[in-house]
Amino acid sequence: MPGRTYLSASETEILRWYARGLTTRQVSELTGLSANTIKTYTRRAMDELDAATHGQAIAKFIEHDHQ
């Protein structure tokens, strides 16, 4: 991933919850957002991080110190 990635505050928050091991449903309950909204933020973050999978997005997020 060349250069800096730019995740929105919402995308960052969702990835932080996932990095802590929460499920989409748990993140939805904690944030008050629908599961579909959580999935949308996740897909956008995956695109920005050039990640093919959910797990890869979390790994890249952690690796690039977005926490």
PDB file of N, CA and C in Angstrom:
ATOM      1  N   MET A   1       0.851  -1.175   0.000  1.00  0.00           N
ATOM      2  CA  MET A   1       0.000   0.000   0.000  1.00  0.00           C
ATOM      3  C   MET A   1       0.893   1.234   0.000  1.00  0.00           C
ATOM      4  N   PRO A   2       1.067   1.854  -1.125  1.00  0.00           N
ATOM      5  CA  PRO A   2       1.932   3.028  -1.187  1.00  0.00           C
ATOM      6  C   PRO A   2       1.269   4.239  -0.556  1.00  0.00           C
ATOM      7  N   GLY A   3       2.077   5.037   0.110  1.00  0.00           N
ATOM      8  CA  GLY A   3       1.562   6.269   0.696  1.00  0.00           C
ATOM      9  C   GLY A   3       0.640   6.039   1.871  1.00  0.00           C
ATOM     10  N   ARG A   4       0.044   7.099   2.306  1.00  0.00           N
ATOM     11  CA  ARG A   4      -0.850   7.074   3.468  1.00  0.00           C
ATOM     12  C   ARG A   4      -2.275   6.785   3.022  1.00  0.00           C
ATOM     13  N   THR A   5      -2.967   5.993   3.817  1.00  0.00           N
ATOM     14  CA  THR A   5      -4.382   5.750   3.538  1.00  0.00           C
ATOM     15  C   THR A   5      -5.203   6.720   4.366  1.00  0.00           C
ATOM     16  N   TYR A   6      -6.355   7.026   3.872  1.00  0.00           N
ATOM     17  CA  TYR A   6      -7.219   7.965   4.554  1.00  0.00           C
ATOM     18  C   TYR A   6      -8.562   7.310   4.836  1.00  0.00           C
ATOM     19  N   LEU A   7      -8.697   6.845   6.054  1.00  0.00           N
ATOM     20  CA  LEU A   7      -9.940   6.241   6.489  1.00  0.00           C
ATOM     21  C   LEU A   7     -10.778   7.295   7.194  1.00  0.00           C
ATOM     22  N   SER A   8     -12.071   7.225   7.000  1.00  0.00           N
ATOM     23  CA  SER A   8     -12.955   8.142   7.717  1.00  0.00           C
ATOM     24  C   SER A   8     -12.955   7.777   9.195  1.00  0.00           C
ATOM     25  N   ALA A   9     -13.456   8.677  10.010  1.00  0.00           N
ATOM     26  CA  ALA A   9     -13.552   8.404  11.449  1.00  0.00           C
ATOM     27  C   ALA A   9     -14.421   7.171  11.691  1.00  0.00           C
ATOM     28  N   SER A  10     -15.478   7.020  10.932  1.00  0.00           N
ATOM     29  CA  SER A  10     -16.367   5.863  11.087  1.00  0.00           C
ATOM     30  C   SER A  10     -15.673   4.566  10.681  1.00  0.00           C
ATOM     31  N   GLU A  11     -14.962   4.589   9.576  1.00  0.00           N
ATOM     32  CA  GLU A  11     -14.226   3.401   9.135  1.00  0.00           C
ATOM     33  C   GLU A  11     -13.178   3.006  10.172  1.00  0.00           C
ATOM     34  N   THR A  12     -12.483   3.994  10.706  1.00  0.00           N
ATOM     35  CA  THR A  12     -11.475   3.735  11.728  1.00  0.00           C
ATOM     36  C   THR A  12     -12.099   3.130  12.972  1.00  0.00           C
ATOM     37  N   GLU A  13     -13.216   3.691  13.409  1.00  0.00           N
ATOM     38  CA  GLU A  13     -13.898   3.168  14.598  1.00  0.00           C
ATOM     39  C   GLU A  13     -14.310   1.715  14.402  1.00  0.00           C
ATOM     40  N   ILE A  14     -14.877   1.406  13.247  1.00  0.00           N
ATOM     41  CA  ILE A  14     -15.332   0.045  12.973  1.00  0.00           C
ATOM     42  C   ILE A  14     -14.146  -0.917  12.980  1.00  0.00           C
ATOM     43  N   LEU A  15     -13.062  -0.551  12.330  1.00  0.00           N
ATOM     44  CA  LEU A  15     -11.894  -1.430  12.296  1.00  0.00           C
ATOM     45  C   LEU A  15     -11.296  -1.608  13.689  1.00  0.00           C
ATOM     46  N   ARG A  16     -11.340  -0.586  14.509  1.00  0.00           N
ATOM     47  CA  ARG A  16     -10.858  -0.723  15.896  1.00  0.00           C
ATOM     48  C   ARG A  16     -11.676  -1.759  16.653  1.00  0.00           C
ATOM     49  N   TRP A  17     -13.000  -1.722  16.478  1.00  0.00           N
ATOM     50  CA  TRP A  17     -13.848  -2.713  17.143  1.00  0.00           C
ATOM     51  C   TRP A  17     -13.547  -4.112  16.629  1.00  0.00           C
ATOM     52  N   TYR A  18     -13.410  -4.246  15.316  1.00  0.00           N
ATOM     53  CA  TYR A  18     -13.088  -5.553  14.742  1.00  0.00           C
ATOM     54  C   TYR A  18     -11.734  -6.056  15.240  1.00  0.00           C
ATOM     55  N   ALA A  19     -10.763  -5.163  15.341  1.00  0.00           N
ATOM     56  CA  ALA A  19      -9.429  -5.549  15.811  1.00  0.00           C
ATOM     57  C   ALA A  19      -9.478  -6.072  17.248  1.00  0.00           C
ATOM     58  N   ARG A  20     -10.485  -5.657  17.990  1.00  0.00           N
ATOM     59  CA  ARG A  20     -10.669  -6.137  19.365  1.00  0.00           C
ATOM     60  C   ARG A  20     -11.471  -7.437  19.413  1.00  0.00           C
ATOM     61  N   GLY A  21     -11.863  -7.930  18.240  1.00  0.00           N
ATOM     62  CA  GLY A  21     -12.521  -9.220  18.171  1.00  0.00           C
ATOM     63  C   GLY A  21     -14.036  -9.197  18.142  1.00  0.00           C
ATOM     64  N   LEU A  22     -14.634  -8.017  18.011  1.00  0.00           N
ATOM     65  CA  LEU A  22     -16.089  -7.938  17.990  1.00  0.00           C
ATOM     66  C   LEU A  22     -16.646  -8.351  16.631  1.00  0.00           C
ATOM     67  N   THR A  23     -17.871  -8.833  16.639  1.00  0.00           N
ATOM     68  CA  THR A  23     -18.566  -9.199  15.406  1.00  0.00           C
ATOM     69  C   THR A  23     -19.313  -7.983  14.858  1.00  0.00           C
ATOM     70  N   THR A  24     -19.794  -8.109  13.643  1.00  0.00           N
ATOM     71  CA  THR A  24     -20.594  -7.037  13.046  1.00  0.00           C
ATOM     72  C   THR A  24     -21.805  -6.733  13.923  1.00  0.00           C
ATOM     73  N   ARG A  25     -22.451  -7.761  14.394  1.00  0.00           N
ATOM     74  CA  ARG A  25     -23.633  -7.559  15.245  1.00  0.00           C
ATOM     75  C   ARG A  25     -23.272  -6.811  16.525  1.00  0.00           C
ATOM     76  N   GLN A  26     -22.175  -7.186  17.159  1.00  0.00           N
ATOM     77  CA  GLN A  26     -21.753  -6.512  18.383  1.00  0.00           C
ATOM     78  C   GLN A  26     -21.394  -5.053  18.120  1.00  0.00           C
ATOM     79  N   VAL A  27     -20.697  -4.798  17.019  1.00  0.00           N
ATOM     80  CA  VAL A  27     -20.340  -3.425  16.663  1.00  0.00           C
ATOM     81  C   VAL A  27     -21.608  -2.616  16.412  1.00  0.00           C
ATOM     82  N   SER A  28     -22.560  -3.220  15.740  1.00  0.00           N
ATOM     83  CA  SER A  28     -23.836  -2.565  15.469  1.00  0.00           C
ATOM     84  C   SER A  28     -24.535  -2.184  16.774  1.00  0.00           C
ATOM     85  N   GLU A  29     -24.578  -3.100  17.703  1.00  0.00           N
ATOM     86  CA  GLU A  29     -25.227  -2.833  18.988  1.00  0.00           C
ATOM     87  C   GLU A  29     -24.503  -1.732  19.772  1.00  0.00           C
ATOM     88  N   LEU A  30     -23.185  -1.761  19.757  1.00  0.00           N
ATOM     89  CA  LEU A  30     -22.399  -0.762  20.490  1.00  0.00           C
ATOM     90  C   LEU A  30     -22.510   0.636  19.898  1.00  0.00           C
ATOM     91  N   THR A  31     -22.537   0.704  18.572  1.00  0.00           N
ATOM     92  CA  THR A  31     -22.519   2.007  17.906  1.00  0.00           C
ATOM     93  C   THR A  31     -23.904   2.560  17.615  1.00  0.00           C
ATOM     94  N   GLY A  32     -24.903   1.685  17.631  1.00  0.00           N
ATOM     95  CA  GLY A  32     -26.248   2.111  17.278  1.00  0.00           C
ATOM     96  C   GLY A  32     -26.466   2.211  15.774  1.00  0.00           C
ATOM     97  N   LEU A  33     -25.507   1.733  15.003  1.00  0.00           N
ATOM     98  CA  LEU A  33     -25.614   1.734  13.545  1.00  0.00           C
ATOM     99  C   LEU A  33     -26.146   0.385  13.081  1.00  0.00           C
ATOM    100  N   SER A  34     -26.802   0.368  11.944  1.00  0.00           N
ATOM    101  CA  SER A  34     -27.308  -0.900  11.425  1.00  0.00           C
ATOM    102  C   SER A  34     -26.148  -1.776  10.954  1.00  0.00           C
ATOM    103  N   ALA A  35     -26.400  -3.079  10.905  1.00  0.00           N
ATOM    104  CA  ALA A  35     -25.381  -4.010  10.408  1.00  0.00           C
ATOM    105  C   ALA A  35     -25.006  -3.669   8.967  1.00  0.00           C
ATOM    106  N   ASN A  36     -25.979  -3.225   8.174  1.00  0.00           N
ATOM    107  CA  ASN A  36     -25.674  -2.847   6.789  1.00  0.00           C
ATOM    108  C   ASN A  36     -24.739  -1.645   6.725  1.00  0.00           C
ATOM    109  N   THR A  37     -24.922  -0.686   7.614  1.00  0.00           N
ATOM    110  CA  THR A  37     -24.032   0.480   7.656  1.00  0.00           C
ATOM    111  C   THR A  37     -22.626   0.046   8.060  1.00  0.00           C
ATOM    112  N   ILE A  38     -22.529  -0.834   9.043  1.00  0.00           N
ATOM    113  CA  ILE A  38     -21.228  -1.358   9.471  1.00  0.00           C
ATOM    114  C   ILE A  38     -20.540  -2.040   8.295  1.00  0.00           C
ATOM    115  N   LYS A  39     -21.284  -2.843   7.550  1.00  0.00           N
ATOM    116  CA  LYS A  39     -20.718  -3.547   6.394  1.00  0.00           C
ATOM    117  C   LYS A  39     -20.270  -2.575   5.310  1.00  0.00           C
ATOM    118  N   THR A  40     -21.011  -1.496   5.122  1.00  0.00           N
ATOM    119  CA  THR A  40     -20.628  -0.486   4.141  1.00  0.00           C
ATOM    120  C   THR A  40     -19.309   0.167   4.540  1.00  0.00           C
ATOM    121  N   TYR A  41     -19.185   0.562   5.802  1.00  0.00           N
ATOM    122  CA  TYR A  41     -17.928   1.150   6.275  1.00  0.00           C
ATOM    123  C   TYR A  41     -16.777   0.165   6.129  1.00  0.00           C
ATOM    124  N   THR A  42     -17.054  -1.097   6.388  1.00  0.00           N
ATOM    125  CA  THR A  42     -16.021  -2.122   6.269  1.00  0.00           C
ATOM    126  C   THR A  42     -15.565  -2.255   4.821  1.00  0.00           C
ATOM    127  N   ARG A  43     -16.521  -2.300   3.887  1.00  0.00           N
ATOM    128  CA  ARG A  43     -16.152  -2.397   2.464  1.00  0.00           C
ATOM    129  C   ARG A  43     -15.344  -1.182   2.011  1.00  0.00           C
ATOM    130  N   ARG A  44     -15.727  -0.014   2.459  1.00  0.00           N
ATOM    131  CA  ARG A  44     -14.986   1.194   2.086  1.00  0.00           C
ATOM    132  C   ARG A  44     -13.564   1.145   2.636  1.00  0.00           C
ATOM    133  N   ALA A  45     -13.426   0.702   3.876  1.00  0.00           N
ATOM    134  CA  ALA A  45     -12.098   0.584   4.484  1.00  0.00           C
ATOM    135  C   ALA A  45     -11.267  -0.456   3.739  1.00  0.00           C
ATOM    136  N   MET A  46     -11.897  -1.564   3.377  1.00  0.00           N
ATOM    137  CA  MET A  46     -11.190  -2.597   2.614  1.00  0.00           C
ATOM    138  C   MET A  46     -10.685  -2.036   1.295  1.00  0.00           C
ATOM    139  N   ASP A  47     -11.514  -1.265   0.617  1.00  0.00           N
ATOM    140  CA  ASP A  47     -11.091  -0.639  -0.645  1.00  0.00           C
ATOM    141  C   ASP A  47      -9.909   0.298  -0.419  1.00  0.00           C
ATOM    142  N   GLU A  48     -10.009   1.134   0.602  1.00  0.00           N
ATOM    143  CA  GLU A  48      -8.953   2.110   0.883  1.00  0.00           C
ATOM    144  C   GLU A  48      -7.641   1.415   1.257  1.00  0.00           C
ATOM    145  N   LEU A  49      -7.746   0.303   1.981  1.00  0.00           N
ATOM    146  CA  LEU A  49      -6.567  -0.431   2.429  1.00  0.00           C
ATOM    147  C   LEU A  49      -6.097  -1.461   1.403  1.00  0.00           C
ATOM    148  N   ASP A  50      -6.802  -1.551   0.282  1.00  0.00           N
ATOM    149  CA  ASP A  50      -6.498  -2.527  -0.762  1.00  0.00           C
ATOM    150  C   ASP A  50      -6.467  -3.934  -0.171  1.00  0.00           C
ATOM    151  N   ALA A  51      -7.487  -4.250   0.601  1.00  0.00           N
ATOM    152  CA  ALA A  51      -7.593  -5.544   1.265  1.00  0.00           C
ATOM    153  C   ALA A  51      -8.652  -6.395   0.573  1.00  0.00           C
ATOM    154  N   ALA A  52      -8.334  -7.655   0.367  1.00  0.00           N
ATOM    155  CA  ALA A  52      -9.259  -8.566  -0.295  1.00  0.00           C
ATOM    156  C   ALA A  52     -10.241  -9.200   0.683  1.00  0.00           C
ATOM    157  N   THR A  53      -9.854  -9.260   1.950  1.00  0.00           N
ATOM    158  CA  THR A  53     -10.709  -9.886   2.949  1.00  0.00           C
ATOM    159  C   THR A  53     -10.845  -8.989   4.172  1.00  0.00           C
ATOM    160  N   HIS A  54     -11.834  -9.306   4.961  1.00  0.00           N
ATOM    161  CA  HIS A  54     -12.084  -8.603   6.220  1.00  0.00           C
ATOM    162  C   HIS A  54     -10.848  -8.705   7.129  1.00  0.00           C
ATOM    163  N   GLY A  55     -10.324  -9.922   7.262  1.00  0.00           N
ATOM    164  CA  GLY A  55      -9.144 -10.149   8.098  1.00  0.00           C
ATOM    165  C   GLY A  55      -7.924  -9.383   7.606  1.00  0.00           C
ATOM    166  N   GLN A  56      -7.755  -9.332   6.305  1.00  0.00           N
ATOM    167  CA  GLN A  56      -6.628  -8.591   5.728  1.00  0.00           C
ATOM    168  C   GLN A  56      -6.758  -7.099   6.018  1.00  0.00           C
ATOM    169  N   ALA A  57      -7.969  -6.578   5.979  1.00  0.00           N
ATOM    170  CA  ALA A  57      -8.191  -5.161   6.286  1.00  0.00           C
ATOM    171  C   ALA A  57      -7.796  -4.866   7.735  1.00  0.00           C
ATOM    172  N   ILE A  58      -8.174  -5.750   8.644  1.00  0.00           N
ATOM    173  CA  ILE A  58      -7.823  -5.558  10.052  1.00  0.00           C
ATOM    174  C   ILE A  58      -6.313  -5.612  10.229  1.00  0.00           C
ATOM    175  N   ALA A  59      -5.670  -6.591   9.590  1.00  0.00           N
ATOM    176  CA  ALA A  59      -4.216  -6.721   9.695  1.00  0.00           C
ATOM    177  C   ALA A  59      -3.506  -5.487   9.146  1.00  0.00           C
ATOM    178  N   LYS A  60      -3.934  -4.993   8.006  1.00  0.00           N
ATOM    179  CA  LYS A  60      -3.321  -3.801   7.421  1.00  0.00           C
ATOM    180  C   LYS A  60      -3.576  -2.577   8.288  1.00  0.00           C
ATOM    181  N   PHE A  61      -4.760  -2.502   8.851  1.00  0.00           N
ATOM    182  CA  PHE A  61      -5.104  -1.403   9.748  1.00  0.00           C
ATOM    183  C   PHE A  61      -4.148  -1.367  10.939  1.00  0.00           C
ATOM    184  N   ILE A  62      -3.963  -2.520  11.559  1.00  0.00           N
ATOM    185  CA  ILE A  62      -3.066  -2.610  12.713  1.00  0.00           C
ATOM    186  C   ILE A  62      -1.623  -2.349  12.290  1.00  0.00           C
ATOM    187  N   GLU A  63      -1.213  -2.961  11.181  1.00  0.00           N
ATOM    188  CA  GLU A  63       0.163  -2.836  10.679  1.00  0.00           C
ATOM    189  C   GLU A  63       0.541  -1.378  10.414  1.00  0.00           C
ATOM    190  N   HIS A  64      -0.393  -0.615   9.914  1.00  0.00           N
ATOM    191  CA  HIS A  64      -0.098   0.768   9.559  1.00  0.00           C
ATOM    192  C   HIS A  64      -0.458   1.747  10.659  1.00  0.00           C
ATOM    193  N   ASP A  65      -0.621   1.197  11.860  1.00  0.00           N
ATOM    194  CA  ASP A  65      -0.760   2.008  13.067  1.00  0.00           C
ATOM    195  C   ASP A  65      -1.877   3.039  12.979  1.00  0.00           C
ATOM    196  N   HIS A  66      -3.041   2.587  12.552  1.00  0.00           N
ATOM    197  CA  HIS A  66      -4.200   3.486  12.516  1.00  0.00           C
ATOM    198  C   HIS A  66      -4.894   3.543  13.863  1.00  0.00           C
ATOM    199  N   GLN A  67      -4.366   2.845  14.838  1.00  0.00           N
ATOM    200  CA  GLN A  67      -4.999   2.834  16.147  1.00  0.00           C
ATOM    201  C   GLN A  67      -4.485   4.014  16.918  1.00  0.00           C
TER     202      GLN A  67
END
